[in-house]
Amino acid sequence: MSDEAKSLCFYAGEFEKQLDEKRRITIPAKWRFKGDEGENSYLAIPTTYGAISVFPPNMMAEIYQKISKISIANPAKRKVLQRFMSKSCTFGCDKQGRAMLGESVLKAAGINKEVCMVGMGAGFEIWNPQTREKWLGDSDASEDASLLEELGL
């Protein structure tokens, strides 16, 4: 395994958590990385399907590369980027792994107290557990297998 691969966090599993009295969430220890105490360690973006997608620095760098190429001469793309980024926030963890997400991000995902954190490989998602349960619906094992095969997994 390369040094680069060793330094990347791989997010897998599911964790049920609660926001504390200060509305902080504790990031699981195995999902943390050296240096995640920085103010801008993660990027949290509300999704159109009800979750908060969270990206670590390497994924933020990829997003940065893409958005830095949007020309100021293209107001339509800049408008959609402004809408997209205005709903997002960056955050870091304290030494105990607690992180404070922006209130608008939590509100967009309908999160009040209970949260479900789900690993997505390169990042993770934070959900209101009821929203996630409704979104997942009933499982169709053959459809799941077909889609995973399509993804090459």
C-alpha atoms as a PDB file:
ATOM      1  CA  MET A   1       0.000   0.000   0.000  1.00  0.00           C
ATOM      2  CA  SER A   2       1.387   3.431  -0.946  1.00  0.00           C
ATOM      3  CA  ASP A   3       2.053   6.146   1.647  1.00  0.00           C
ATOM      4  CA  GLU A   4      -0.694   8.226   0.056  1.00  0.00           C
ATOM      5  CA  ALA A   5      -3.194   5.365   0.418  1.00  0.00           C
ATOM      6  CA  LYS A   6      -2.169   4.881   4.059  1.00  0.00           C
ATOM      7  CA  SER A   7      -2.807   8.550   4.822  1.00  0.00           C
ATOM      8  CA  LEU A   8      -6.337   8.503   3.363  1.00  0.00           C
ATOM      9  CA  CYS A   9      -9.235   7.800   5.654  1.00  0.00           C
ATOM     10  CA  PHE A  10     -11.687   5.163   4.469  1.00  0.00           C
ATOM     11  CA  TYR A  11     -15.150   5.688   5.863  1.00  0.00           C
ATOM     12  CA  ALA A  12     -17.173   2.525   6.460  1.00  0.00           C
ATOM     13  CA  GLY A  13     -19.819   1.491   8.943  1.00  0.00           C
ATOM     14  CA  GLU A  14     -22.778   3.115  10.623  1.00  0.00           C
ATOM     15  CA  PHE A  15     -22.884   4.996  13.907  1.00  0.00           C
ATOM     16  CA  GLU A  16     -25.888   6.241  15.876  1.00  0.00           C
ATOM     17  CA  LYS A  17     -25.087   9.435  17.790  1.00  0.00           C
ATOM     18  CA  GLN A  18     -26.750  12.379  19.493  1.00  0.00           C
ATOM     19  CA  LEU A  19     -25.896  16.035  19.327  1.00  0.00           C
ATOM     20  CA  ASP A  20     -24.674  17.212  22.724  1.00  0.00           C
ATOM     21  CA  GLU A  21     -26.095  20.224  24.604  1.00  0.00           C
ATOM     22  CA  LYS A  22     -23.906  22.542  22.465  1.00  0.00           C
ATOM     23  CA  ARG A  23     -25.221  20.845  19.276  1.00  0.00           C
ATOM     24  CA  ARG A  24     -21.891  19.134  18.567  1.00  0.00           C
ATOM     25  CA  ILE A  25     -21.488  15.704  17.043  1.00  0.00           C
ATOM     26  CA  THR A  26     -18.672  13.306  17.916  1.00  0.00           C
ATOM     27  CA  ILE A  27     -16.830  11.941  14.889  1.00  0.00           C
ATOM     28  CA  PRO A  28     -15.964   8.243  15.370  1.00  0.00           C
ATOM     29  CA  ALA A  29     -12.298   7.760  16.325  1.00  0.00           C
ATOM     30  CA  LYS A  30     -11.595   5.513  13.331  1.00  0.00           C
ATOM     31  CA  TRP A  31     -12.879   8.237  10.990  1.00  0.00           C
ATOM     32  CA  ARG A  32     -10.553  10.894  12.360  1.00  0.00           C
ATOM     33  CA  PHE A  33      -7.152  11.736  10.903  1.00  0.00           C
ATOM     34  CA  LYS A  34      -4.043  13.525  12.077  1.00  0.00           C
ATOM     35  CA  GLY A  35      -4.703  17.231  11.757  1.00  0.00           C
ATOM     36  CA  ASP A  36      -8.506  17.100  11.824  1.00  0.00           C
ATOM     37  CA  GLU A  37      -8.447  19.625  14.667  1.00  0.00           C
ATOM     38  CA  GLY A  38      -8.057  22.351  12.027  1.00  0.00           C
ATOM     39  CA  GLU A  39     -10.956  24.723  11.589  1.00  0.00           C
ATOM     40  CA  ASN A  40     -11.449  23.744   7.931  1.00  0.00           C
ATOM     41  CA  SER A  41     -10.729  20.009   8.069  1.00  0.00           C
ATOM     42  CA  TYR A  42     -14.040  18.772   6.670  1.00  0.00           C
ATOM     43  CA  LEU A  43     -16.577  20.182   4.223  1.00  0.00           C
ATOM     44  CA  ALA A  44     -20.269  19.532   4.961  1.00  0.00           C
ATOM     45  CA  ILE A  45     -22.771  19.928   2.137  1.00  0.00           C
ATOM     46  CA  PRO A  46     -26.537  19.306   2.411  1.00  0.00           C
ATOM     47  CA  THR A  47     -27.729  16.945  -0.318  1.00  0.00           C
ATOM     48  CA  THR A  48     -30.930  17.081  -2.348  1.00  0.00           C
ATOM     49  CA  TYR A  49     -31.979  13.728  -0.814  1.00  0.00           C
ATOM     50  CA  GLY A  50     -31.877  14.820   2.848  1.00  0.00           C
ATOM     51  CA  ALA A  51     -28.388  13.953   4.122  1.00  0.00           C
ATOM     52  CA  ILE A  52     -25.297  15.978   4.887  1.00  0.00           C
ATOM     53  CA  SER A  53     -22.344  14.779   2.788  1.00  0.00           C
ATOM     54  CA  VAL A  54     -19.033  15.248   4.590  1.00  0.00           C
ATOM     55  CA  PHE A  55     -15.737  15.368   2.721  1.00  0.00           C
ATOM     56  CA  PRO A  56     -12.195  15.227   4.183  1.00  0.00           C
ATOM     57  CA  PRO A  57      -9.350  17.457   2.884  1.00  0.00           C
ATOM     58  CA  ASN A  58      -8.427  15.308  -0.124  1.00  0.00           C
ATOM     59  CA  MET A  59     -12.016  15.458  -1.396  1.00  0.00           C
ATOM     60  CA  MET A  60     -12.219  19.184  -0.595  1.00  0.00           C
ATOM     61  CA  ALA A  61      -9.112  19.648  -2.749  1.00  0.00           C
ATOM     62  CA  GLU A  62     -10.876  17.925  -5.667  1.00  0.00           C
ATOM     63  CA  ILE A  63     -13.940  20.148  -5.249  1.00  0.00           C
ATOM     64  CA  TYR A  64     -11.702  23.207  -4.976  1.00  0.00           C
ATOM     65  CA  GLN A  65      -9.971  22.323  -8.254  1.00  0.00           C
ATOM     66  CA  LYS A  66     -13.323  22.079 -10.011  1.00  0.00           C
ATOM     67  CA  ILE A  67     -14.873  25.257  -8.665  1.00  0.00           C
ATOM     68  CA  SER A  68     -11.729  27.343  -9.086  1.00  0.00           C
ATOM     69  CA  LYS A  69     -12.100  26.880 -12.851  1.00  0.00           C
ATOM     70  CA  ILE A  70     -15.539  28.505 -12.993  1.00  0.00           C
ATOM     71  CA  SER A  71     -15.128  31.741 -14.870  1.00  0.00           C
ATOM     72  CA  ILE A  72     -16.453  35.015 -13.497  1.00  0.00           C
ATOM     73  CA  ALA A  73     -17.749  35.519 -17.024  1.00  0.00           C
ATOM     74  CA  ASN A  74     -20.278  32.701 -16.476  1.00  0.00           C
ATOM     75  CA  PRO A  75     -22.917  34.157 -14.115  1.00  0.00           C
ATOM     76  CA  ALA A  76     -25.232  31.132 -14.367  1.00  0.00           C
ATOM     77  CA  LYS A  77     -22.567  28.753 -13.042  1.00  0.00           C
ATOM     78  CA  ARG A  78     -21.481  31.262 -10.401  1.00  0.00           C
ATOM     79  CA  LYS A  79     -25.102  31.653  -9.255  1.00  0.00           C
ATOM     80  CA  VAL A  80     -25.587  27.921  -8.799  1.00  0.00           C
ATOM     81  CA  LEU A  81     -22.193  27.663  -7.088  1.00  0.00           C
ATOM     82  CA  GLN A  82     -23.200  30.464  -4.717  1.00  0.00           C
ATOM     83  CA  ARG A  83     -26.438  28.671  -3.825  1.00  0.00           C
ATOM     84  CA  PHE A  84     -24.547  25.395  -3.360  1.00  0.00           C
ATOM     85  CA  MET A  85     -21.721  26.777  -1.224  1.00  0.00           C
ATOM     86  CA  SER A  86     -23.894  29.119   0.858  1.00  0.00           C
ATOM     87  CA  LYS A  87     -25.636  26.071   2.335  1.00  0.00           C
ATOM     88  CA  SER A  88     -22.318  24.359   3.141  1.00  0.00           C
ATOM     89  CA  CYS A  89     -19.867  24.725   6.024  1.00  0.00           C
ATOM     90  CA  THR A  90     -16.376  23.677   6.986  1.00  0.00           C
ATOM     91  CA  PHE A  91     -15.532  22.325  10.418  1.00  0.00           C
ATOM     92  CA  GLY A  92     -12.829  20.651  12.463  1.00  0.00           C
ATOM     93  CA  CYS A  93     -12.819  18.533  15.609  1.00  0.00           C
ATOM     94  CA  ASP A  94     -11.662  19.249  19.111  1.00  0.00           C
ATOM     95  CA  LYS A  95      -9.328  16.783  20.876  1.00  0.00           C
ATOM     96  CA  GLN A  96     -12.321  14.608  21.857  1.00  0.00           C
ATOM     97  CA  GLY A  97     -13.510  14.392  18.241  1.00  0.00           C
ATOM     98  CA  ARG A  98     -16.448  16.744  18.738  1.00  0.00           C
ATOM     99  CA  ALA A  99     -17.415  18.945  15.810  1.00  0.00           C
ATOM    100  CA  MET A 100     -19.898  21.751  15.436  1.00  0.00           C
ATOM    101  CA  LEU A 101     -21.744  21.878  12.147  1.00  0.00           C
ATOM    102  CA  GLY A 102     -23.416  25.044  10.926  1.00  0.00           C
ATOM    103  CA  GLU A 103     -27.009  25.481  12.031  1.00  0.00           C
ATOM    104  CA  SER A 104     -28.201  25.905   8.428  1.00  0.00           C
ATOM    105  CA  VAL A 105     -26.633  22.572   7.448  1.00  0.00           C
ATOM    106  CA  LEU A 106     -28.318  20.771  10.359  1.00  0.00           C
ATOM    107  CA  LYS A 107     -31.633  22.457   9.561  1.00  0.00           C
ATOM    108  CA  ALA A 108     -31.429  21.478   5.877  1.00  0.00           C
ATOM    109  CA  ALA A 109     -31.086  17.816   6.921  1.00  0.00           C
ATOM    110  CA  GLY A 110     -33.819  18.053   9.562  1.00  0.00           C
ATOM    111  CA  ILE A 111     -31.408  17.137  12.365  1.00  0.00           C
ATOM    112  CA  ASN A 112     -32.416  18.113  15.890  1.00  0.00           C
ATOM    113  CA  LYS A 113     -30.851  15.596  18.294  1.00  0.00           C
ATOM    114  CA  GLU A 114     -30.488  12.077  16.895  1.00  0.00           C
ATOM    115  CA  VAL A 115     -28.081  11.437  14.006  1.00  0.00           C
ATOM    116  CA  CYS A 116     -26.954   8.461  11.993  1.00  0.00           C
ATOM    117  CA  MET A 117     -23.484   8.649  10.451  1.00  0.00           C
ATOM    118  CA  VAL A 118     -22.868   6.349   7.479  1.00  0.00           C
ATOM    119  CA  GLY A 119     -19.515   5.681   5.833  1.00  0.00           C
ATOM    120  CA  MET A 120     -19.444   6.216   2.085  1.00  0.00           C
ATOM    121  CA  GLY A 121     -15.832   5.236   1.351  1.00  0.00           C
ATOM    122  CA  ALA A 122     -14.242   8.576   0.430  1.00  0.00           C
ATOM    123  CA  GLY A 123     -16.436  10.519   2.868  1.00  0.00           C
ATOM    124  CA  PHE A 124     -19.449  10.013   5.084  1.00  0.00           C
ATOM    125  CA  GLU A 125     -23.044  11.141   5.411  1.00  0.00           C
ATOM    126  CA  ILE A 126     -24.912  12.451   8.421  1.00  0.00           C
ATOM    127  CA  TRP A 127     -28.640  11.746   8.547  1.00  0.00           C
ATOM    128  CA  ASN A 128     -31.710  12.281  10.619  1.00  0.00           C
ATOM    129  CA  PRO A 129     -32.387   8.545  11.308  1.00  0.00           C
ATOM    130  CA  GLN A 130     -36.074   8.779  10.335  1.00  0.00           C
ATOM    131  CA  THR A 131     -35.260  10.548   7.070  1.00  0.00           C
ATOM    132  CA  ARG A 132     -32.658   7.893   6.225  1.00  0.00           C
ATOM    133  CA  GLU A 133     -35.025   5.030   6.994  1.00  0.00           C
ATOM    134  CA  LYS A 134     -37.686   6.542   4.737  1.00  0.00           C
ATOM    135  CA  TRP A 135     -35.137   7.285   1.977  1.00  0.00           C
ATOM    136  CA  LEU A 136     -33.724   3.747   2.013  1.00  0.00           C
ATOM    137  CA  GLY A 137     -37.176   2.163   1.905  1.00  0.00           C
ATOM    138  CA  ASP A 138     -37.443  -1.569   1.542  1.00  0.00           C
ATOM    139  CA  SER A 139     -34.327  -3.321   0.351  1.00  0.00           C
ATOM    140  CA  ASP A 140     -34.326  -5.225  -2.933  1.00  0.00           C
ATOM    141  CA  ALA A 141     -31.279  -7.510  -2.727  1.00  0.00           C
ATOM    142  CA  SER A 142     -31.222  -8.310  -6.456  1.00  0.00           C
ATOM    143  CA  GLU A 143     -31.444  -4.625  -7.429  1.00  0.00           C
ATOM    144  CA  ASP A 144     -28.710  -3.785  -4.889  1.00  0.00           C
ATOM    145  CA  ALA A 145     -26.489  -6.542  -6.296  1.00  0.00           C
ATOM    146  CA  SER A 146     -27.061  -5.333  -9.842  1.00  0.00           C
ATOM    147  CA  LEU A 147     -26.181  -1.726  -8.980  1.00  0.00           C
ATOM    148  CA  LEU A 148     -23.070  -2.800  -7.039  1.00  0.00           C
ATOM    149  CA  GLU A 149     -21.977  -4.865 -10.032  1.00  0.00           C
ATOM    150  CA  GLU A 150     -22.553  -1.841 -12.285  1.00  0.00           C
ATOM    151  CA  LEU A 151     -20.264   0.122  -9.955  1.00  0.00           C
ATOM    152  CA  GLY A 152     -17.643  -2.607 -10.259  1.00  0.00           C
ATOM    153  CA  LEU A 153     -17.957  -3.704  -6.609  1.00  0.00           C
END
